[in-house]
All heavy atoms as atom14 arrays in JSON, in Angstrom:
{
  "sequence": "DVNLLCKKKLSQILKEKNLAPELPDDLMALIRKSVEIRKHLETNDKDE",
  "atom14_mask": [
    [1, 1, 1, 1, 1, 1, 1, 1, 0, 0, 0, 0, 0, 0],
    [1, 1, 1, 1, 1, 1, 1, 0, 0, 0, 0, 0, 0, 0],
    [1, 1, 1, 1, 1, 1, 1, 1, 0, 0, 0, 0, 0, 0],
    [1, 1, 1, 1, 1, 1, 1, 1, 0, 0, 0, 0, 0, 0],
    [1, 1, 1, 1, 1, 1, 1, 1, 0, 0, 0, 0, 0, 0],
    [1, 1, 1, 1, 1, 1, 0, 0, 0, 0, 0, 0, 0, 0],
    [1, 1, 1, 1, 1, 1, 1, 1, 1, 0, 0, 0, 0, 0],
    [1, 1, 1, 1, 1, 1, 1, 1, 1, 0, 0, 0, 0, 0],
    [1, 1, 1, 1, 1, 1, 1, 1, 1, 0, 0, 0, 0, 0],
    [1, 1, 1, 1, 1, 1, 1, 1, 0, 0, 0, 0, 0, 0],
    [1, 1, 1, 1, 1, 1, 0, 0, 0, 0, 0, 0, 0, 0],
    [1, 1, 1, 1, 1, 1, 1, 1, 1, 0, 0, 0, 0, 0],
    [1, 1, 1, 1, 1, 1, 1, 1, 0, 0, 0, 0, 0, 0],
    [1, 1, 1, 1, 1, 1, 1, 1, 0, 0, 0, 0, 0, 0],
    [1, 1, 1, 1, 1, 1, 1, 1, 1, 0, 0, 0, 0, 0],
    [1, 1, 1, 1, 1, 1, 1, 1, 1, 0, 0, 0, 0, 0],
    [1, 1, 1, 1, 1, 1, 1, 1, 1, 0, 0, 0, 0, 0],
    [1, 1, 1, 1, 1, 1, 1, 1, 0, 0, 0, 0, 0, 0],
    [1, 1, 1, 1, 1, 1, 1, 1, 0, 0, 0, 0, 0, 0],
    [1, 1, 1, 1, 1, 0, 0, 0, 0, 0, 0, 0, 0, 0],
    [1, 1, 1, 1, 1, 1, 1, 0, 0, 0, 0, 0, 0, 0],
    [1, 1, 1, 1, 1, 1, 1, 1, 1, 0, 0, 0, 0, 0],
    [1, 1, 1, 1, 1, 1, 1, 1, 0, 0, 0, 0, 0, 0],
    [1, 1, 1, 1, 1, 1, 1, 0, 0, 0, 0, 0, 0, 0],
    [1, 1, 1, 1, 1, 1, 1, 1, 0, 0, 0, 0, 0, 0],
    [1, 1, 1, 1, 1, 1, 1, 1, 0, 0, 0, 0, 0, 0],
    [1, 1, 1, 1, 1, 1, 1, 1, 0, 0, 0, 0, 0, 0],
    [1, 1, 1, 1, 1, 1, 1, 1, 0, 0, 0, 0, 0, 0],
    [1, 1, 1, 1, 1, 0, 0, 0, 0, 0, 0, 0, 0, 0],
    [1, 1, 1, 1, 1, 1, 1, 1, 0, 0, 0, 0, 0, 0],
    [1, 1, 1, 1, 1, 1, 1, 1, 0, 0, 0, 0, 0, 0],
    [1, 1, 1, 1, 1, 1, 1, 1, 1, 1, 1, 0, 0, 0],
    [1, 1, 1, 1, 1, 1, 1, 1, 1, 0, 0, 0, 0, 0],
    [1, 1, 1, 1, 1, 1, 0, 0, 0, 0, 0, 0, 0, 0],
    [1, 1, 1, 1, 1, 1, 1, 0, 0, 0, 0, 0, 0, 0],
    [1, 1, 1, 1, 1, 1, 1, 1, 1, 0, 0, 0, 0, 0],
    [1, 1, 1, 1, 1, 1, 1, 1, 0, 0, 0, 0, 0, 0],
    [1, 1, 1, 1, 1, 1, 1, 1, 1, 1, 1, 0, 0, 0],
    [1, 1, 1, 1, 1, 1, 1, 1, 1, 0, 0, 0, 0, 0],
    [1, 1, 1, 1, 1, 1, 1, 1, 1, 1, 0, 0, 0, 0],
    [1, 1, 1, 1, 1, 1, 1, 1, 0, 0, 0, 0, 0, 0],
    [1, 1, 1, 1, 1, 1, 1, 1, 1, 0, 0, 0, 0, 0],
    [1, 1, 1, 1, 1, 1, 1, 0, 0, 0, 0, 0, 0, 0],
    [1, 1, 1, 1, 1, 1, 1, 1, 0, 0, 0, 0, 0, 0],
    [1, 1, 1, 1, 1, 1, 1, 1, 0, 0, 0, 0, 0, 0],
    [1, 1, 1, 1, 1, 1, 1, 1, 1, 0, 0, 0, 0, 0],
    [1, 1, 1, 1, 1, 1, 1, 1, 0, 0, 0, 0, 0, 0],
    [1, 1, 1, 1, 1, 1, 1, 1, 1, 0, 0, 0, 0, 0]
  ],
  "atom14_positions": [
    [[116.25, 117.21, 28.66], [117.08, 117.37, 29.84], [118.55, 117.51, 29.44], [119.16, 116.54, 28.99], [116.9, 116.15, 30.75], [117.42, 116.39, 32.15], [117.95, 117.48, 32.39], [117.28, 115.5, 33.0], [0.0, 0.0, 0.0], [0.0, 0.0, 0.0], [0.0, 0.0, 0.0], [0.0, 0.0, 0.0], [0.0, 0.0, 0.0], [0.0, 0.0, 0.0]],
    [[119.08, 118.71, 29.58], [120.47, 118.96, 29.22], [121.42, 118.22, 30.17], [122.44, 117.7, 29.75], [120.76, 120.5, 29.23], [122.21, 120.78, 29.01], [119.91, 121.2, 28.2], [0.0, 0.0, 0.0], [0.0, 0.0, 0.0], [0.0, 0.0, 0.0], [0.0, 0.0, 0.0], [0.0, 0.0, 0.0], [0.0, 0.0, 0.0], [0.0, 0.0, 0.0]],
    [[121.04, 118.2, 31.44], [121.88, 117.55, 32.43], [122.06, 116.06, 32.16], [123.15, 115.51, 32.34], [121.23, 117.75, 33.81], [122.18, 117.4, 34.95], [123.31, 117.07, 34.73], [121.66, 117.52, 36.16], [0.0, 0.0, 0.0], [0.0, 0.0, 0.0], [0.0, 0.0, 0.0], [0.0, 0.0, 0.0], [0.0, 0.0, 0.0], [0.0, 0.0, 0.0]],
    [[121.04, 115.42, 31.66], [121.08, 114.01, 31.37], [121.96, 113.73, 30.15], [122.7, 112.75, 30.1], [119.66, 113.48, 31.12], [119.45, 112.0, 31.13], [119.83, 111.42, 32.49], [117.99, 111.69, 30.85], [0.0, 0.0, 0.0], [0.0, 0.0, 0.0], [0.0, 0.0, 0.0], [0.0, 0.0, 0.0], [0.0, 0.0, 0.0], [0.0, 0.0, 0.0]],
    [[121.93, 114.63, 29.18], [122.66, 114.44, 27.93], [124.14, 114.83, 28.09], [125.04, 114.09, 27.7], [122.03, 115.25, 26.82], [122.65, 115.18, 25.44], [122.54, 113.77, 24.89], [121.96, 116.15, 24.51], [0.0, 0.0, 0.0], [0.0, 0.0, 0.0], [0.0, 0.0, 0.0], [0.0, 0.0, 0.0], [0.0, 0.0, 0.0], [0.0, 0.0, 0.0]],
    [[124.4, 116.0, 28.66], [125.77, 116.55, 28.71], [126.49, 116.24, 30.03], [127.67, 116.56, 30.16], [125.71, 118.06, 28.54], [125.09, 118.59, 26.96], [0.0, 0.0, 0.0], [0.0, 0.0, 0.0], [0.0, 0.0, 0.0], [0.0, 0.0, 0.0], [0.0, 0.0, 0.0], [0.0, 0.0, 0.0], [0.0, 0.0, 0.0], [0.0, 0.0, 0.0]],
    [[125.78, 115.71, 31.0], [126.34, 115.44, 32.33], [126.74, 116.72, 33.06], [127.55, 116.71, 33.96], [127.57, 114.5, 32.27], [127.33, 113.22, 31.51], [126.38, 112.29, 32.23], [126.33, 110.94, 31.58], [125.1, 110.71, 30.81], [0.0, 0.0, 0.0], [0.0, 0.0, 0.0], [0.0, 0.0, 0.0], [0.0, 0.0, 0.0], [0.0, 0.0, 0.0]],
    [[126.2, 117.84, 32.61], [126.42, 119.16, 33.23], [125.11, 119.93, 33.18], [124.33, 119.73, 32.26], [127.47, 119.97, 32.47], [128.86, 119.44, 32.51], [129.76, 120.37, 31.8], [130.22, 119.72, 30.51], [131.09, 120.52, 29.72], [0.0, 0.0, 0.0], [0.0, 0.0, 0.0], [0.0, 0.0, 0.0], [0.0, 0.0, 0.0], [0.0, 0.0, 0.0]],
    [[124.93, 120.8, 34.13], [123.76, 121.65, 34.1], [123.94, 122.74, 33.07], [125.07, 123.09, 32.71], [123.52, 122.27, 35.47], [123.04, 121.26, 36.49], [122.67, 121.95, 37.78], [122.16, 120.95, 38.77], [121.76, 121.59, 40.03], [0.0, 0.0, 0.0], [0.0, 0.0, 0.0], [0.0, 0.0, 0.0], [0.0, 0.0, 0.0], [0.0, 0.0, 0.0]],
    [[122.83, 123.32, 32.64], [122.89, 124.39, 31.66], [123.68, 125.61, 32.18], [124.47, 126.19, 31.46], [121.45, 124.82, 31.3], [121.25, 125.51, 29.99], [119.93, 125.09, 29.4], [121.28, 127.0, 30.17], [0.0, 0.0, 0.0], [0.0, 0.0, 0.0], [0.0, 0.0, 0.0], [0.0, 0.0, 0.0], [0.0, 0.0, 0.0], [0.0, 0.0, 0.0]],
    [[123.5, 125.91, 33.46], [124.24, 127.05, 34.03], [125.74, 126.77, 34.09], [126.54, 127.68, 33.93], [123.7, 127.38, 35.42], [123.79, 126.26, 36.26], [0.0, 0.0, 0.0], [0.0, 0.0, 0.0], [0.0, 0.0, 0.0], [0.0, 0.0, 0.0], [0.0, 0.0, 0.0], [0.0, 0.0, 0.0], [0.0, 0.0, 0.0], [0.0, 0.0, 0.0]],
    [[126.12, 125.51, 34.31], [127.55, 125.16, 34.32], [128.15, 125.34, 32.93], [129.29, 125.81, 32.8], [127.74, 123.72, 34.79], [127.48, 123.5, 36.24], [127.56, 122.05, 36.62], [127.22, 121.17, 35.81], [127.95, 121.77, 37.85], [0.0, 0.0, 0.0], [0.0, 0.0, 0.0], [0.0, 0.0, 0.0], [0.0, 0.0, 0.0], [0.0, 0.0, 0.0]],
    [[127.4, 124.97, 31.92], [127.87, 125.13, 30.53], [128.06, 126.61, 30.22], [129.06, 127.01, 29.61], [126.91, 124.46, 29.53], [126.89, 122.94, 29.74], [127.28, 124.79, 28.12], [125.82, 122.22, 28.99], [0.0, 0.0, 0.0], [0.0, 0.0, 0.0], [0.0, 0.0, 0.0], [0.0, 0.0, 0.0], [0.0, 0.0, 0.0], [0.0, 0.0, 0.0]],
    [[127.1, 127.43, 30.66], [127.22, 128.88, 30.43], [128.42, 129.47, 31.17], [129.1, 130.34, 30.64], [125.93, 129.58, 30.86], [124.72, 129.34, 29.96], [123.48, 129.99, 30.58], [124.95, 129.87, 28.57], [0.0, 0.0, 0.0], [0.0, 0.0, 0.0], [0.0, 0.0, 0.0], [0.0, 0.0, 0.0], [0.0, 0.0, 0.0], [0.0, 0.0, 0.0]],
    [[128.69, 128.99, 32.37], [129.85, 129.47, 33.13], [131.16, 129.1, 32.44], [132.1, 129.9, 32.39], [129.86, 128.89, 34.53], [129.0, 129.66, 35.51], [129.16, 129.09, 36.89], [128.07, 129.64, 37.79], [128.03, 128.97, 39.07], [0.0, 0.0, 0.0], [0.0, 0.0, 0.0], [0.0, 0.0, 0.0], [0.0, 0.0, 0.0], [0.0, 0.0, 0.0]],
    [[131.22, 127.88, 31.9], [132.44, 127.43, 31.21], [132.72, 128.28, 29.98], [133.87, 128.55, 29.65], [132.3, 125.98, 30.81], [132.39, 125.02, 31.96], [132.12, 123.58, 31.54], [131.9, 123.36, 30.33], [132.14, 122.72, 32.41], [0.0, 0.0, 0.0], [0.0, 0.0, 0.0], [0.0, 0.0, 0.0], [0.0, 0.0, 0.0], [0.0, 0.0, 0.0]],
    [[131.66, 128.71, 29.3], [131.8, 129.51, 28.09], [131.87, 131.01, 28.38], [131.86, 131.84, 27.49], [130.65, 129.24, 27.14], [130.41, 127.78, 26.85], [130.93, 127.41, 25.53], [130.59, 125.92, 25.29], [131.29, 125.38, 24.2], [0.0, 0.0, 0.0], [0.0, 0.0, 0.0], [0.0, 0.0, 0.0], [0.0, 0.0, 0.0], [0.0, 0.0, 0.0]],
    [[131.85, 131.39, 29.68], [131.85, 132.78, 30.12], [130.65, 133.55, 29.58], [130.76, 134.72, 29.21], [133.15, 133.49, 29.74], [134.31, 132.92, 30.5], [134.2, 132.49, 31.64], [135.47, 132.87, 29.82], [0.0, 0.0, 0.0], [0.0, 0.0, 0.0], [0.0, 0.0, 0.0], [0.0, 0.0, 0.0], [0.0, 0.0, 0.0], [0.0, 0.0, 0.0]],
    [[129.51, 132.9, 29.54], [128.27, 133.54, 29.06], [127.22, 133.64, 30.16], [126.1, 134.06, 29.89], [127.7, 132.74, 27.89], [128.57, 132.68, 26.64], [128.02, 131.67, 25.65], [128.66, 134.04, 26.0], [0.0, 0.0, 0.0], [0.0, 0.0, 0.0], [0.0, 0.0, 0.0], [0.0, 0.0, 0.0], [0.0, 0.0, 0.0], [0.0, 0.0, 0.0]],
    [[127.58, 133.26, 31.38], [126.61, 133.29, 32.48], [126.34, 134.74, 32.89], [127.26, 135.57, 32.95], [127.16, 132.5, 33.67], [0.0, 0.0, 0.0], [0.0, 0.0, 0.0], [0.0, 0.0, 0.0], [0.0, 0.0, 0.0], [0.0, 0.0, 0.0], [0.0, 0.0, 0.0], [0.0, 0.0, 0.0], [0.0, 0.0, 0.0], [0.0, 0.0, 0.0]],
    [[125.08, 135.07, 33.18], [124.76, 136.42, 33.63], [125.3, 136.68, 35.03], [125.57, 135.71, 35.79], [123.24, 136.46, 33.6], [122.84, 135.05, 33.74], [123.91, 134.23, 33.1], [0.0, 0.0, 0.0], [0.0, 0.0, 0.0], [0.0, 0.0, 0.0], [0.0, 0.0, 0.0], [0.0, 0.0, 0.0], [0.0, 0.0, 0.0], [0.0, 0.0, 0.0]],
    [[125.45, 137.94, 35.39], [125.98, 138.24, 36.71], [124.97, 137.96, 37.81], [125.36, 137.66, 38.95], [126.42, 139.7, 36.79], [125.29, 140.7, 36.5], [125.79, 142.11, 36.4], [126.78, 142.36, 35.72], [125.17, 142.98, 37.05], [0.0, 0.0, 0.0], [0.0, 0.0, 0.0], [0.0, 0.0, 0.0], [0.0, 0.0, 0.0], [0.0, 0.0, 0.0]],
    [[123.68, 138.06, 37.51], [122.63, 137.73, 38.47], [121.84, 136.54, 37.97], [121.59, 136.41, 36.77], [121.67, 138.91, 38.63], [122.24, 140.17, 39.27], [121.19, 141.28, 39.31], [122.72, 139.87, 40.69], [0.0, 0.0, 0.0], [0.0, 0.0, 0.0], [0.0, 0.0, 0.0], [0.0, 0.0, 0.0], [0.0, 0.0, 0.0], [0.0, 0.0, 0.0]],
    [[121.4, 135.65, 38.85], [120.57, 134.51, 38.44], [119.25, 134.96, 37.81], [118.74, 136.05, 38.1], [120.33, 133.75, 39.74], [121.43, 134.17, 40.63], [121.76, 135.57, 40.26], [0.0, 0.0, 0.0], [0.0, 0.0, 0.0], [0.0, 0.0, 0.0], [0.0, 0.0, 0.0], [0.0, 0.0, 0.0], [0.0, 0.0, 0.0], [0.0, 0.0, 0.0]],
    [[118.66, 134.08, 36.99], [117.47, 134.44, 36.23], [116.27, 134.74, 37.1], [115.53, 135.7, 36.85], [117.09, 133.29, 35.27], [118.02, 133.22, 34.1], [118.69, 134.23, 33.82], [118.05, 132.17, 33.45], [0.0, 0.0, 0.0], [0.0, 0.0, 0.0], [0.0, 0.0, 0.0], [0.0, 0.0, 0.0], [0.0, 0.0, 0.0], [0.0, 0.0, 0.0]],
    [[116.06, 133.95, 38.14], [114.87, 134.16, 38.97], [114.96, 135.48, 39.73], [113.97, 136.2, 39.89], [114.63, 132.99, 39.92], [115.87, 132.6, 40.69], [116.95, 133.19, 40.46], [115.79, 131.68, 41.53], [0.0, 0.0, 0.0], [0.0, 0.0, 0.0], [0.0, 0.0, 0.0], [0.0, 0.0, 0.0], [0.0, 0.0, 0.0], [0.0, 0.0, 0.0]],
    [[116.16, 135.84, 40.14], [116.35, 137.12, 40.81], [116.14, 138.29, 39.84], [115.5, 139.28, 40.18], [117.74, 137.18, 41.45], [118.07, 138.41, 42.27], [117.15, 138.49, 43.47], [119.51, 138.32, 42.74], [0.0, 0.0, 0.0], [0.0, 0.0, 0.0], [0.0, 0.0, 0.0], [0.0, 0.0, 0.0], [0.0, 0.0, 0.0], [0.0, 0.0, 0.0]],
    [[116.62, 138.13, 38.62], [116.41, 139.19, 37.6], [114.94, 139.36, 37.29], [114.47, 140.48, 37.13], [117.16, 138.84, 36.3], [118.61, 139.21, 36.31], [118.89, 140.96, 36.57], [118.11, 141.63, 35.12], [0.0, 0.0, 0.0], [0.0, 0.0, 0.0], [0.0, 0.0, 0.0], [0.0, 0.0, 0.0], [0.0, 0.0, 0.0], [0.0, 0.0, 0.0]],
    [[114.2, 138.25, 37.23], [112.77, 138.33, 36.95], [112.04, 139.09, 38.06], [111.16, 139.93, 37.8], [112.18, 136.94, 36.77], [0.0, 0.0, 0.0], [0.0, 0.0, 0.0], [0.0, 0.0, 0.0], [0.0, 0.0, 0.0], [0.0, 0.0, 0.0], [0.0, 0.0, 0.0], [0.0, 0.0, 0.0], [0.0, 0.0, 0.0], [0.0, 0.0, 0.0]],
    [[112.41, 138.83, 39.3], [111.78, 139.52, 40.42], [112.15, 141.0, 40.43], [111.31, 141.86, 40.76], [112.21, 138.88, 41.76], [111.54, 137.55, 42.08], [112.16, 136.95, 43.31], [110.06, 137.74, 42.28], [0.0, 0.0, 0.0], [0.0, 0.0, 0.0], [0.0, 0.0, 0.0], [0.0, 0.0, 0.0], [0.0, 0.0, 0.0], [0.0, 0.0, 0.0]],
    [[113.39, 141.32, 40.07], [113.8, 142.74, 40.01], [113.03, 143.48, 38.92], [112.55, 144.58, 39.12], [115.32, 142.84, 39.79], [116.06, 142.39, 41.06], [115.75, 144.26, 39.43], [117.53, 142.29, 40.92], [0.0, 0.0, 0.0], [0.0, 0.0, 0.0], [0.0, 0.0, 0.0], [0.0, 0.0, 0.0], [0.0, 0.0, 0.0], [0.0, 0.0, 0.0]],
    [[112.88, 142.84, 37.74], [112.09, 143.43, 36.69], [110.64, 143.67, 37.12], [110.05, 144.72, 36.83], [112.1, 142.55, 35.45], [113.37, 142.61, 34.68], [113.23, 141.94, 33.33], [114.55, 141.74, 32.77], [115.16, 140.55, 32.71], [114.56, 139.46, 33.1], [116.38, 140.46, 32.22], [0.0, 0.0, 0.0], [0.0, 0.0, 0.0], [0.0, 0.0, 0.0]],
    [[110.1, 142.69, 37.83], [108.72, 142.8, 38.31], [108.58, 143.96, 39.29], [107.62, 144.76, 39.2], [108.29, 141.49, 38.95], [106.86, 141.46, 39.4], [106.52, 140.09, 39.95], [105.07, 140.02, 40.36], [104.72, 138.69, 40.85], [0.0, 0.0, 0.0], [0.0, 0.0, 0.0], [0.0, 0.0, 0.0], [0.0, 0.0, 0.0], [0.0, 0.0, 0.0]],
    [[109.54, 144.11, 40.19], [109.45, 145.23, 41.14], [109.57, 146.56, 40.46], [108.91, 147.54, 40.83], [110.49, 145.06, 42.23], [111.79, 145.36, 41.75], [0.0, 0.0, 0.0], [0.0, 0.0, 0.0], [0.0, 0.0, 0.0], [0.0, 0.0, 0.0], [0.0, 0.0, 0.0], [0.0, 0.0, 0.0], [0.0, 0.0, 0.0], [0.0, 0.0, 0.0]],
    [[110.43, 146.66, 39.4], [110.56, 147.9, 38.66], [109.25, 148.25, 37.98], [108.8, 149.41, 38.0], [111.72, 147.79, 37.63], [111.69, 148.93, 36.66], [113.04, 147.76, 38.35], [0.0, 0.0, 0.0], [0.0, 0.0, 0.0], [0.0, 0.0, 0.0], [0.0, 0.0, 0.0], [0.0, 0.0, 0.0], [0.0, 0.0, 0.0], [0.0, 0.0, 0.0]],
    [[108.59, 147.23, 37.38], [107.32, 147.47, 36.7], [106.24, 147.91, 37.7], [105.47, 148.83, 37.39], [106.86, 146.22, 35.98], [107.7, 145.88, 34.77], [107.66, 146.95, 33.69], [106.57, 147.48, 33.42], [108.72, 147.26, 33.15], [0.0, 0.0, 0.0], [0.0, 0.0, 0.0], [0.0, 0.0, 0.0], [0.0, 0.0, 0.0], [0.0, 0.0, 0.0]],
    [[106.2, 147.29, 38.87], [105.21, 147.67, 39.85], [105.45, 149.09, 40.36], [104.53, 149.88, 40.53], [105.17, 146.67, 41.02], [104.71, 145.28, 40.53], [104.24, 147.11, 42.12], [104.81, 144.21, 41.56], [0.0, 0.0, 0.0], [0.0, 0.0, 0.0], [0.0, 0.0, 0.0], [0.0, 0.0, 0.0], [0.0, 0.0, 0.0], [0.0, 0.0, 0.0]],
    [[106.74, 149.42, 40.58], [107.05, 150.8, 41.02], [106.67, 151.84, 39.98], [106.19, 152.9, 40.3], [108.53, 150.91, 41.36], [108.87, 150.33, 42.7], [110.27, 150.71, 43.14], [110.53, 150.09, 44.41], [110.11, 150.58, 45.58], [109.41, 151.67, 45.62], [110.4, 149.95, 46.69], [0.0, 0.0, 0.0], [0.0, 0.0, 0.0], [0.0, 0.0, 0.0]],
    [[106.92, 151.49, 38.72], [106.53, 152.4, 37.63], [105.01, 152.59, 37.62], [104.51, 153.68, 37.4], [106.99, 151.82, 36.29], [107.2, 152.85, 35.22], [107.66, 152.21, 33.93], [109.0, 151.52, 34.05], [109.47, 150.93, 32.81], [0.0, 0.0, 0.0], [0.0, 0.0, 0.0], [0.0, 0.0, 0.0], [0.0, 0.0, 0.0], [0.0, 0.0, 0.0]],
    [[104.28, 151.5, 37.86], [102.82, 151.57, 37.91], [102.36, 152.42, 39.1], [101.41, 153.19, 38.99], [102.25, 150.15, 38.02], [100.79, 150.1, 38.33], [99.82, 150.37, 37.41], [100.14, 149.82, 39.5], [98.63, 150.24, 37.97], [98.81, 149.91, 39.24], [0.0, 0.0, 0.0], [0.0, 0.0, 0.0], [0.0, 0.0, 0.0], [0.0, 0.0, 0.0]],
    [[103.06, 152.28, 40.22], [102.66, 153.02, 41.41], [102.94, 154.52, 41.33], [102.36, 155.31, 42.06], [103.35, 152.44, 42.66], [102.7, 151.19, 43.25], [103.56, 150.61, 44.36], [101.31, 151.48, 43.76], [0.0, 0.0, 0.0], [0.0, 0.0, 0.0], [0.0, 0.0, 0.0], [0.0, 0.0, 0.0], [0.0, 0.0, 0.0], [0.0, 0.0, 0.0]],
    [[103.85, 154.91, 40.44], [104.1, 156.35, 40.26], [102.87, 157.04, 39.72], [102.56, 158.18, 40.09], [105.29, 156.56, 39.3], [106.62, 156.25, 39.93], [107.75, 156.37, 38.93], [107.5, 156.78, 37.77], [108.89, 156.0, 39.3], [0.0, 0.0, 0.0], [0.0, 0.0, 0.0], [0.0, 0.0, 0.0], [0.0, 0.0, 0.0], [0.0, 0.0, 0.0]],
    [[102.15, 156.39, 38.83], [100.95, 157.02, 38.24], [99.7, 156.63, 39.02], [98.72, 157.4, 39.01], [100.78, 156.58, 36.78], [100.71, 155.16, 36.72], [101.92, 157.09, 35.95], [0.0, 0.0, 0.0], [0.0, 0.0, 0.0], [0.0, 0.0, 0.0], [0.0, 0.0, 0.0], [0.0, 0.0, 0.0], [0.0, 0.0, 0.0], [0.0, 0.0, 0.0]],
    [[99.67, 155.5, 39.68], [98.49, 155.02, 40.4], [98.85, 154.83, 41.86], [99.0, 153.7, 42.33], [97.97, 153.72, 39.81], [97.77, 153.82, 38.33], [96.95, 154.59, 37.86], [98.51, 153.03, 37.58], [0.0, 0.0, 0.0], [0.0, 0.0, 0.0], [0.0, 0.0, 0.0], [0.0, 0.0, 0.0], [0.0, 0.0, 0.0], [0.0, 0.0, 0.0]],
    [[98.96, 155.94, 42.61], [99.45, 155.84, 43.97], [98.44, 155.3, 44.96], [98.77, 154.95, 46.08], [99.96, 157.2, 44.43], [98.91, 158.27, 44.35], [97.99, 158.14, 43.53], [99.0, 159.27, 45.09], [0.0, 0.0, 0.0], [0.0, 0.0, 0.0], [0.0, 0.0, 0.0], [0.0, 0.0, 0.0], [0.0, 0.0, 0.0], [0.0, 0.0, 0.0]],
    [[97.17, 155.16, 44.57], [96.16, 154.63, 45.48], [95.88, 153.14, 45.25], [94.97, 152.58, 45.88], [94.86, 155.4, 45.33], [94.98, 156.87, 45.72], [93.64, 157.44, 46.04], [93.69, 158.92, 46.29], [94.48, 159.27, 47.46], [0.0, 0.0, 0.0], [0.0, 0.0, 0.0], [0.0, 0.0, 0.0], [0.0, 0.0, 0.0], [0.0, 0.0, 0.0]],
    [[96.66, 152.5, 44.43], [96.46, 151.1, 44.11], [97.01, 150.24, 45.26], [98.2, 149.99, 45.33], [97.15, 150.74, 42.79], [96.78, 149.38, 42.29], [96.1, 148.62, 43.04], [97.2, 149.04, 41.17], [0.0, 0.0, 0.0], [0.0, 0.0, 0.0], [0.0, 0.0, 0.0], [0.0, 0.0, 0.0], [0.0, 0.0, 0.0], [0.0, 0.0, 0.0]],
    [[96.12, 149.83, 46.16], [96.54, 149.08, 47.33], [97.04, 147.66, 46.97], [97.94, 147.15, 47.62], [95.39, 148.98, 48.35], [94.92, 150.3, 48.89], [96.01, 150.99, 49.71], [96.77, 150.28, 50.43], [96.12, 152.23, 49.65], [0.0, 0.0, 0.0], [0.0, 0.0, 0.0], [0.0, 0.0, 0.0], [0.0, 0.0, 0.0], [0.0, 0.0, 0.0]]
  ]
}
């Protein structure tokens, strides 16, 4: 647990060091998933 040790969350540490991504991780994962599904649907348009 980083929060317990450093008294800060991991995302706060990344923000302080200017290394935080512009989009949150869970949102990026969903965007990647939608891109992959759209790519799949281009070749398999009948996949309900």
